[in-house]
Amino acid sequence: MTLLLVLAGGALGAVCRFLVGQAVTGRLPWGTFGVNVVGSALLGLVAGAGSALPGWIGPLVGTGFCGALTTYSAFAYETVDLASGRHSRLRAVGYVAGTLLVGLAATAVGWLAGDRFLGGTPI
């Protein structure tokens, strides 16, 4: 059953990731930035809520959906692309710093919201 939950969440997360990538374009990889921040916040929420959520939420949302929605490989590729001769290295550094800082902040806010509003004990 756990495997099916991960598969279902992963399928939905991958489709969402694809659609965001198609819809959000520009000089900076805002689509990847956005899905990584949203995924970080959602994973923080699930982790912060911990035992207050049914046991199937972790595999479905945390591992499956967030795992497929967020993307380290695209983040790495887009960072290298930004740093290449076609783009400014300063943009690449800003993209990395922004992704890490905003992603960590989103995770912390999600965690606190899960703990406070869902009454969880963090896992």
N, C-alpha and C. Protein backbone atom coordinates (compact mmCIF):
# COMPACT_ATOMS: atom_id res chain seq x y z
N MET A 1 0.82 -1.20 0.00
CA MET A 1 0.00 0.00 0.00
C MET A 1 0.87 1.27 0.00
N THR A 2 1.95 1.25 0.77
CA THR A 2 2.83 2.42 0.82
C THR A 2 3.41 2.73 -0.54
N LEU A 3 3.81 1.71 -1.27
CA LEU A 3 4.36 1.91 -2.61
C LEU A 3 3.34 2.56 -3.53
N LEU A 4 2.09 2.14 -3.44
CA LEU A 4 1.04 2.75 -4.27
C LEU A 4 0.81 4.21 -3.91
N LEU A 5 0.90 4.54 -2.63
CA LEU A 5 0.76 5.93 -2.21
C LEU A 5 1.89 6.79 -2.77
N VAL A 6 3.11 6.28 -2.69
CA VAL A 6 4.27 7.00 -3.24
C VAL A 6 4.11 7.17 -4.75
N LEU A 7 3.69 6.12 -5.42
CA LEU A 7 3.49 6.19 -6.87
C LEU A 7 2.42 7.21 -7.25
N ALA A 8 1.31 7.21 -6.54
CA ALA A 8 0.22 8.15 -6.84
C ALA A 8 0.67 9.59 -6.59
N GLY A 9 1.30 9.82 -5.45
CA GLY A 9 1.79 11.16 -5.15
C GLY A 9 2.85 11.60 -6.14
N GLY A 10 3.74 10.69 -6.51
CA GLY A 10 4.79 11.01 -7.47
C GLY A 10 4.23 11.34 -8.83
N ALA A 11 3.21 10.61 -9.27
CA ALA A 11 2.60 10.89 -10.56
C ALA A 11 1.99 12.29 -10.58
N LEU A 12 1.28 12.63 -9.52
CA LEU A 12 0.67 13.96 -9.45
C LEU A 12 1.73 15.05 -9.35
N GLY A 13 2.75 14.84 -8.53
CA GLY A 13 3.82 15.82 -8.40
C GLY A 13 4.57 16.04 -9.70
N ALA A 14 4.83 14.97 -10.43
CA ALA A 14 5.55 15.08 -11.70
C ALA A 14 4.73 15.85 -12.73
N VAL A 15 3.44 15.59 -12.78
CA VAL A 15 2.58 16.31 -13.71
C VAL A 15 2.54 17.79 -13.35
N CYS A 16 2.41 18.09 -12.07
CA CYS A 16 2.42 19.50 -11.64
C CYS A 16 3.73 20.17 -12.01
N ARG A 17 4.84 19.48 -11.78
CA ARG A 17 6.16 20.02 -12.11
C ARG A 17 6.25 20.33 -13.60
N PHE A 18 5.79 19.41 -14.43
CA PHE A 18 5.81 19.60 -15.88
C PHE A 18 4.97 20.80 -16.28
N LEU A 19 3.75 20.90 -15.74
CA LEU A 19 2.86 22.01 -16.11
C LEU A 19 3.42 23.36 -15.69
N VAL A 20 4.00 23.42 -14.51
CA VAL A 20 4.62 24.68 -14.06
C VAL A 20 5.78 25.03 -14.97
N GLY A 21 6.60 24.04 -15.33
CA GLY A 21 7.73 24.29 -16.23
C GLY A 21 7.29 24.80 -17.58
N GLN A 22 6.15 24.34 -18.07
CA GLN A 22 5.63 24.82 -19.35
C GLN A 22 5.04 26.22 -19.25
N ALA A 23 4.43 26.52 -18.11
CA ALA A 23 3.73 27.78 -17.94
C ALA A 23 4.62 28.94 -17.53
N VAL A 24 5.69 28.65 -16.81
CA VAL A 24 6.53 29.71 -16.25
C VAL A 24 7.89 29.70 -16.94
N THR A 25 8.12 30.70 -17.75
CA THR A 25 9.40 30.83 -18.44
C THR A 25 9.93 32.23 -18.23
N GLY A 26 11.17 32.43 -18.60
CA GLY A 26 11.76 33.76 -18.47
C GLY A 26 13.27 33.68 -18.44
N ARG A 27 13.90 34.79 -18.14
CA ARG A 27 15.36 34.86 -18.10
C ARG A 27 15.94 34.07 -16.94
N LEU A 28 15.17 33.94 -15.89
CA LEU A 28 15.59 33.13 -14.75
C LEU A 28 14.65 31.93 -14.65
N PRO A 29 15.12 30.83 -14.10
CA PRO A 29 14.30 29.62 -14.01
C PRO A 29 13.28 29.70 -12.86
N TRP A 30 12.31 30.58 -13.02
CA TRP A 30 11.32 30.80 -11.96
C TRP A 30 10.44 29.58 -11.70
N GLY A 31 10.20 28.79 -12.73
CA GLY A 31 9.38 27.59 -12.53
C GLY A 31 10.02 26.62 -11.56
N THR A 32 11.29 26.33 -11.77
CA THR A 32 12.02 25.42 -10.87
C THR A 32 12.12 26.03 -9.48
N PHE A 33 12.42 27.32 -9.42
CA PHE A 33 12.49 28.01 -8.13
C PHE A 33 11.16 27.86 -7.40
N GLY A 34 10.07 28.11 -8.10
CA GLY A 34 8.74 28.06 -7.48
C GLY A 34 8.36 26.69 -6.96
N VAL A 35 8.57 25.66 -7.80
CA VAL A 35 8.19 24.31 -7.34
C VAL A 35 9.07 23.86 -6.18
N ASN A 36 10.34 24.26 -6.18
CA ASN A 36 11.21 23.88 -5.07
C ASN A 36 10.80 24.57 -3.77
N VAL A 37 10.39 25.82 -3.86
CA VAL A 37 9.95 26.54 -2.66
C VAL A 37 8.62 25.99 -2.15
N VAL A 38 7.68 25.78 -3.06
CA VAL A 38 6.37 25.23 -2.66
C VAL A 38 6.54 23.82 -2.07
N GLY A 39 7.37 23.00 -2.72
CA GLY A 39 7.62 21.66 -2.21
C GLY A 39 8.28 21.68 -0.84
N SER A 40 9.19 22.61 -0.63
CA SER A 40 9.85 22.75 0.67
C SER A 40 8.85 23.12 1.75
N ALA A 41 7.96 24.06 1.44
CA ALA A 41 6.95 24.47 2.42
C ALA A 41 5.99 23.33 2.74
N LEU A 42 5.57 22.62 1.71
CA LEU A 42 4.64 21.51 1.92
C LEU A 42 5.29 20.37 2.72
N LEU A 43 6.53 20.06 2.40
CA LEU A 43 7.22 19.02 3.16
C LEU A 43 7.43 19.46 4.61
N GLY A 44 7.74 20.74 4.82
CA GLY A 44 7.84 21.26 6.18
C GLY A 44 6.53 21.15 6.93
N LEU A 45 5.43 21.42 6.25
CA LEU A 45 4.11 21.32 6.86
C LEU A 45 3.81 19.88 7.29
N VAL A 46 4.08 18.94 6.40
CA VAL A 46 3.84 17.53 6.72
C VAL A 46 4.73 17.09 7.88
N ALA A 47 6.00 17.48 7.84
CA ALA A 47 6.92 17.10 8.92
C ALA A 47 6.53 17.76 10.23
N GLY A 48 6.14 19.02 10.18
CA GLY A 48 5.75 19.72 11.40
C GLY A 48 4.49 19.17 12.02
N ALA A 49 3.57 18.73 11.17
CA ALA A 49 2.32 18.16 11.68
C ALA A 49 2.56 16.78 12.28
N GLY A 50 3.53 16.06 11.72
CA GLY A 50 3.93 14.77 12.27
C GLY A 50 2.80 13.82 12.55
N SER A 51 2.69 13.43 13.78
CA SER A 51 1.74 12.40 14.20
C SER A 51 0.29 12.87 14.18
N ALA A 52 0.05 14.16 13.97
CA ALA A 52 -1.33 14.64 13.90
C ALA A 52 -1.99 14.25 12.58
N LEU A 53 -1.20 13.88 11.59
CA LEU A 53 -1.73 13.47 10.29
C LEU A 53 -1.85 11.96 10.21
N PRO A 54 -2.79 11.48 9.39
CA PRO A 54 -2.86 10.02 9.18
C PRO A 54 -1.55 9.50 8.60
N GLY A 55 -1.20 8.27 8.88
CA GLY A 55 0.07 7.71 8.46
C GLY A 55 0.28 7.65 6.97
N TRP A 56 -0.76 7.67 6.17
CA TRP A 56 -0.61 7.57 4.72
C TRP A 56 -0.22 8.91 4.08
N ILE A 57 -0.32 10.01 4.81
CA ILE A 57 0.00 11.33 4.25
C ILE A 57 1.49 11.45 3.94
N GLY A 58 2.34 10.95 4.81
CA GLY A 58 3.79 11.04 4.58
C GLY A 58 4.23 10.42 3.27
N PRO A 59 3.87 9.15 3.01
CA PRO A 59 4.26 8.56 1.73
C PRO A 59 3.61 9.23 0.51
N LEU A 60 2.34 9.61 0.64
CA LEU A 60 1.63 10.21 -0.49
C LEU A 60 2.15 11.62 -0.79
N VAL A 61 2.17 12.46 0.23
CA VAL A 61 2.50 13.87 0.03
C VAL A 61 4.00 14.13 0.18
N GLY A 62 4.58 13.64 1.27
CA GLY A 62 5.99 13.93 1.53
C GLY A 62 6.92 13.28 0.54
N THR A 63 6.89 11.96 0.47
CA THR A 63 7.80 11.23 -0.42
C THR A 63 7.36 11.33 -1.88
N GLY A 64 6.10 11.01 -2.15
CA GLY A 64 5.63 10.96 -3.53
C GLY A 64 5.49 12.32 -4.18
N PHE A 65 4.53 13.12 -3.69
CA PHE A 65 4.24 14.39 -4.34
C PHE A 65 5.42 15.36 -4.27
N CYS A 66 5.92 15.61 -3.06
CA CYS A 66 7.03 16.57 -2.91
C CYS A 66 8.30 16.07 -3.60
N GLY A 67 8.52 14.75 -3.54
CA GLY A 67 9.70 14.19 -4.18
C GLY A 67 9.70 14.39 -5.68
N ALA A 68 8.53 14.27 -6.30
CA ALA A 68 8.43 14.44 -7.75
C ALA A 68 8.27 15.90 -8.15
N LEU A 69 7.66 16.69 -7.30
CA LEU A 69 7.46 18.11 -7.61
C LEU A 69 8.77 18.87 -7.59
N THR A 70 9.54 18.67 -6.54
CA THR A 70 10.81 19.39 -6.42
C THR A 70 11.86 18.73 -7.29
N THR A 71 12.89 19.49 -7.64
CA THR A 71 13.85 18.95 -8.59
C THR A 71 15.24 19.51 -8.37
N TYR A 72 16.11 18.65 -7.87
CA TYR A 72 17.50 19.06 -7.71
C TYR A 72 18.23 19.05 -9.05
N SER A 73 17.94 18.09 -9.91
CA SER A 73 18.66 17.99 -11.17
C SER A 73 18.41 19.22 -12.05
N ALA A 74 17.17 19.69 -12.13
CA ALA A 74 16.89 20.90 -12.90
C ALA A 74 17.55 22.11 -12.25
N PHE A 75 17.53 22.18 -10.94
CA PHE A 75 18.19 23.27 -10.22
C PHE A 75 19.68 23.30 -10.55
N ALA A 76 20.34 22.14 -10.53
CA ALA A 76 21.77 22.07 -10.84
C ALA A 76 22.03 22.44 -12.29
N TYR A 77 21.25 21.89 -13.21
CA TYR A 77 21.43 22.19 -14.62
C TYR A 77 21.24 23.68 -14.90
N GLU A 78 20.17 24.26 -14.35
CA GLU A 78 19.88 25.66 -14.60
C GLU A 78 20.93 26.58 -13.98
N THR A 79 21.51 26.15 -12.86
CA THR A 79 22.60 26.93 -12.27
C THR A 79 23.81 26.94 -13.19
N VAL A 80 24.17 25.78 -13.73
CA VAL A 80 25.30 25.71 -14.67
C VAL A 80 24.99 26.52 -15.91
N ASP A 81 23.77 26.44 -16.41
CA ASP A 81 23.37 27.21 -17.59
C ASP A 81 23.48 28.71 -17.33
N LEU A 82 23.02 29.15 -16.16
CA LEU A 82 23.12 30.57 -15.82
C LEU A 82 24.58 31.03 -15.74
N ALA A 83 25.44 30.15 -15.28
CA ALA A 83 26.86 30.51 -15.12
C ALA A 83 27.66 30.37 -16.42
N SER A 84 27.04 29.82 -17.44
CA SER A 84 27.75 29.63 -18.72
C SER A 84 28.01 30.97 -19.39
N GLY A 85 28.67 30.93 -20.51
CA GLY A 85 29.00 32.14 -21.25
C GLY A 85 27.80 32.95 -21.68
N ARG A 86 26.63 32.29 -21.77
CA ARG A 86 25.44 33.00 -22.22
C ARG A 86 24.81 33.85 -21.11
N HIS A 87 25.16 33.59 -19.90
CA HIS A 87 24.52 34.28 -18.78
C HIS A 87 25.58 34.77 -17.79
N SER A 88 25.16 35.56 -16.89
CA SER A 88 26.04 36.10 -15.87
C SER A 88 26.24 35.12 -14.73
N ARG A 89 27.48 35.00 -14.28
CA ARG A 89 27.76 34.16 -13.11
C ARG A 89 27.08 34.72 -11.86
N LEU A 90 26.93 36.01 -11.83
CA LEU A 90 26.26 36.65 -10.69
C LEU A 90 24.81 36.16 -10.59
N ARG A 91 24.15 36.00 -11.72
CA ARG A 91 22.78 35.45 -11.70
C ARG A 91 22.78 34.05 -11.13
N ALA A 92 23.76 33.24 -11.49
CA ALA A 92 23.84 31.87 -10.99
C ALA A 92 24.01 31.86 -9.48
N VAL A 93 24.90 32.70 -8.99
CA VAL A 93 25.12 32.78 -7.54
C VAL A 93 23.85 33.26 -6.84
N GLY A 94 23.20 34.24 -7.41
CA GLY A 94 21.95 34.74 -6.82
C GLY A 94 20.85 33.68 -6.83
N TYR A 95 20.80 32.91 -7.91
CA TYR A 95 19.80 31.83 -8.01
C TYR A 95 20.04 30.77 -6.95
N VAL A 96 21.28 30.37 -6.77
CA VAL A 96 21.61 29.36 -5.75
C VAL A 96 21.30 29.90 -4.35
N ALA A 97 21.79 31.10 -4.06
CA ALA A 97 21.56 31.68 -2.73
C ALA A 97 20.07 31.89 -2.47
N GLY A 98 19.36 32.41 -3.46
CA GLY A 98 17.93 32.65 -3.30
C GLY A 98 17.16 31.36 -3.09
N THR A 99 17.49 30.34 -3.88
CA THR A 99 16.80 29.05 -3.74
C THR A 99 17.03 28.45 -2.36
N LEU A 100 18.29 28.48 -1.90
CA LEU A 100 18.58 27.91 -0.58
C LEU A 100 17.92 28.70 0.54
N LEU A 101 18.04 30.01 0.50
CA LEU A 101 17.48 30.83 1.59
C LEU A 101 15.96 30.78 1.62
N VAL A 102 15.35 30.98 0.47
CA VAL A 102 13.88 30.98 0.43
C VAL A 102 13.35 29.57 0.70
N GLY A 103 14.01 28.54 0.18
CA GLY A 103 13.59 27.17 0.43
C GLY A 103 13.67 26.80 1.90
N LEU A 104 14.76 27.20 2.55
CA LEU A 104 14.87 26.93 3.99
C LEU A 104 13.82 27.69 4.78
N ALA A 105 13.59 28.95 4.41
CA ALA A 105 12.56 29.73 5.10
C ALA A 105 11.18 29.12 4.89
N ALA A 106 10.90 28.67 3.67
CA ALA A 106 9.60 28.04 3.39
C ALA A 106 9.42 26.76 4.20
N THR A 107 10.49 25.98 4.33
CA THR A 107 10.42 24.76 5.13
C THR A 107 10.14 25.09 6.59
N ALA A 108 10.82 26.10 7.10
CA ALA A 108 10.62 26.49 8.50
C ALA A 108 9.20 27.00 8.74
N VAL A 109 8.68 27.81 7.82
CA VAL A 109 7.31 28.31 7.96
C VAL A 109 6.32 27.16 7.88
N GLY A 110 6.53 26.24 6.94
CA GLY A 110 5.65 25.07 6.85
C GLY A 110 5.70 24.23 8.10
N TRP A 111 6.90 24.00 8.61
CA TRP A 111 7.07 23.21 9.83
C TRP A 111 6.32 23.84 11.00
N LEU A 112 6.53 25.14 11.17
CA LEU A 112 5.87 25.85 12.27
C LEU A 112 4.35 25.83 12.12
N ALA A 113 3.87 26.01 10.89
CA ALA A 113 2.43 25.97 10.65
C ALA A 113 1.87 24.58 10.94
N GLY A 114 2.57 23.55 10.52
CA GLY A 114 2.11 22.19 10.79
C GLY A 114 2.07 21.89 12.27
N ASP A 115 3.08 22.34 12.97
CA ASP A 115 3.15 22.10 14.41
C ASP A 115 2.08 22.90 15.15
N ARG A 116 1.94 24.15 14.77
CA ARG A 116 1.02 25.02 15.51
C ARG A 116 -0.45 24.80 15.15
N PHE A 117 -0.74 24.77 13.86
CA PHE A 117 -2.14 24.73 13.43
C PHE A 117 -2.70 23.32 13.27
N LEU A 118 -1.83 22.38 13.03
CA LEU A 118 -2.31 21.00 12.92
C LEU A 118 -2.02 20.22 14.18
N GLY A 119 -1.33 20.85 15.13
CA GLY A 119 -1.09 20.25 16.43
C GLY A 119 -0.19 19.04 16.41
N GLY A 120 0.78 19.06 15.53
CA GLY A 120 1.62 17.89 15.38
C GLY A 120 2.80 17.83 16.31
N THR A 121 3.35 16.68 16.37
CA THR A 121 4.64 16.44 16.98
C THR A 121 5.58 16.11 15.84
N PRO A 122 6.57 16.97 15.58
CA PRO A 122 7.44 16.76 14.40
C PRO A 122 8.07 15.37 14.41
N ILE A 123 8.20 14.82 13.20
CA ILE A 123 8.82 13.50 13.04
C ILE A 123 10.33 13.62 13.09
